[in-house]
Amino acid sequence: MSNSLRQQVLVLYLANSALDSPVTAWARYDGTGTTRHQAGGDEEPPYATGLAALQDGWRLIQASPLIDHKSGDEFRTGYFKYEFFFEKLVPLPGEDLD
């Protein structure tokens, strides 16, 4: 692997466990250091669904486990259940991979 490659990470929280369900929250991290994203900094999610991220070249590296929640949990706040981590390896600005 080239030293010129850096990881970008995209975390999408979906409405349910299906990759084609709507994105409800998201976070982005750029290992190249060229872009700094802040929570709540974007009005719209970067993708409408997790499937759209896959179709744009993001690689799925982790999906949240499906955990059976007890009755009444649907009224609790806390964490988003359906968390998916995606990555892209991209060249540093000004670097050529050839």
Protein backbone atom coordinates (compact mmCIF):
# COMPACT_ATOMS: atom_id res chain seq x y z
CA MET A 1 0.00 0.00 0.00
CA SER A 2 1.28 3.44 -0.87
CA ASN A 3 2.26 5.86 1.88
CA SER A 4 0.32 8.46 -0.13
CA LEU A 5 -3.03 6.89 0.77
CA ARG A 6 -5.10 8.05 3.72
CA GLN A 7 -8.36 6.76 5.11
CA GLN A 8 -11.62 8.67 5.03
CA VAL A 9 -14.31 7.38 7.38
CA LEU A 10 -18.04 7.87 7.03
CA VAL A 11 -20.38 6.83 9.84
CA LEU A 12 -24.03 6.56 8.86
CA TYR A 13 -26.84 5.92 11.30
CA LEU A 14 -29.77 4.39 9.44
CA ALA A 15 -33.47 4.20 10.26
CA ASN A 16 -33.23 0.41 10.55
CA SER A 17 -30.80 -2.44 9.86
CA ALA A 18 -31.30 -2.45 6.06
CA LEU A 19 -28.61 -0.66 4.03
CA ASP A 20 -31.28 0.87 1.81
CA SER A 21 -33.06 2.56 4.73
CA PRO A 22 -32.83 6.36 5.18
CA VAL A 23 -29.87 8.03 6.91
CA THR A 24 -30.94 9.63 10.21
CA ALA A 25 -27.53 10.91 11.41
CA TRP A 26 -23.94 10.91 10.18
CA ALA A 27 -20.33 11.80 10.90
CA ARG A 28 -17.33 12.17 8.58
CA TYR A 29 -13.59 12.05 9.25
CA ASP A 30 -10.88 12.88 6.72
CA GLY A 31 -7.47 11.29 7.25
CA THR A 32 -5.93 13.51 4.56
CA GLY A 33 -6.37 16.53 6.83
CA THR A 34 -7.71 18.65 3.99
CA THR A 35 -11.30 18.76 5.27
CA ARG A 36 -12.56 19.16 8.83
CA HIS A 37 -16.17 18.23 9.42
CA GLN A 38 -18.08 19.30 12.50
CA ALA A 39 -21.07 17.55 13.98
CA GLY A 40 -24.21 19.28 12.79
CA GLY A 41 -22.25 21.21 10.17
CA ASP A 42 -24.24 19.87 7.23
CA GLU A 43 -27.95 20.40 6.62
CA GLU A 44 -28.34 17.24 4.52
CA PRO A 45 -26.72 13.81 4.91
CA PRO A 46 -23.92 13.02 2.46
CA TYR A 47 -26.01 10.08 1.16
CA ALA A 48 -29.70 9.26 1.39
CA THR A 49 -28.98 5.60 2.27
CA GLY A 50 -26.08 3.32 3.12
CA LEU A 51 -26.56 1.64 -0.26
CA ALA A 52 -25.96 4.99 -2.00
CA ALA A 53 -22.61 5.27 -0.18
CA LEU A 54 -21.64 1.78 -1.40
CA GLN A 55 -22.61 2.73 -4.96
CA ASP A 56 -20.33 5.78 -4.69
CA GLY A 57 -17.30 3.64 -3.82
CA TRP A 58 -17.35 3.62 -0.02
CA ARG A 59 -16.44 0.26 1.48
CA LEU A 60 -18.55 -1.05 4.35
CA ILE A 61 -16.25 -2.08 7.18
CA GLN A 62 -18.63 -2.49 10.10
CA ALA A 63 -22.36 -2.76 10.69
CA SER A 64 -24.01 -2.59 14.08
CA PRO A 65 -25.03 -5.94 15.55
CA LEU A 66 -28.73 -6.64 15.67
CA ILE A 67 -29.62 -6.66 19.34
CA ASP A 68 -33.03 -7.62 20.59
CA HIS A 69 -34.33 -4.70 22.66
CA LYS A 70 -36.87 -5.17 25.40
CA SER A 71 -40.33 -3.66 25.24
CA GLY A 72 -40.34 0.02 26.18
CA ASP A 73 -36.87 0.73 24.72
CA GLU A 74 -38.51 2.43 21.76
CA PHE A 75 -39.32 5.32 24.11
CA ARG A 76 -35.77 5.69 25.48
CA THR A 77 -33.18 8.09 24.18
CA GLY A 78 -29.50 7.30 24.21
CA TYR A 79 -27.75 5.95 21.17
CA PHE A 80 -28.56 5.29 17.55
CA LYS A 81 -28.98 1.53 17.02
CA TYR A 82 -28.16 1.15 13.35
CA GLU A 83 -24.58 2.39 12.93
CA PHE A 84 -22.59 1.60 9.78
CA PHE A 85 -18.91 2.47 9.22
CA PHE A 86 -17.63 3.05 5.69
CA GLU A 87 -14.16 3.89 4.42
CA LYS A 88 -12.40 5.15 1.33
CA LEU A 89 -8.66 5.17 0.73
CA VAL A 90 -7.74 8.36 -1.09
CA PRO A 91 -4.43 9.89 -2.19
CA LEU A 92 -3.03 12.87 -0.37
CA PRO A 93 -3.57 16.14 -2.23
CA GLY A 94 -0.94 16.52 -4.94
CA GLU A 95 0.10 12.84 -4.81
CA ASP A 96 -0.09 10.60 -7.86
CA LEU A 97 -0.71 6.88 -7.35
CA ASP A 98 0.84 5.78 -10.64
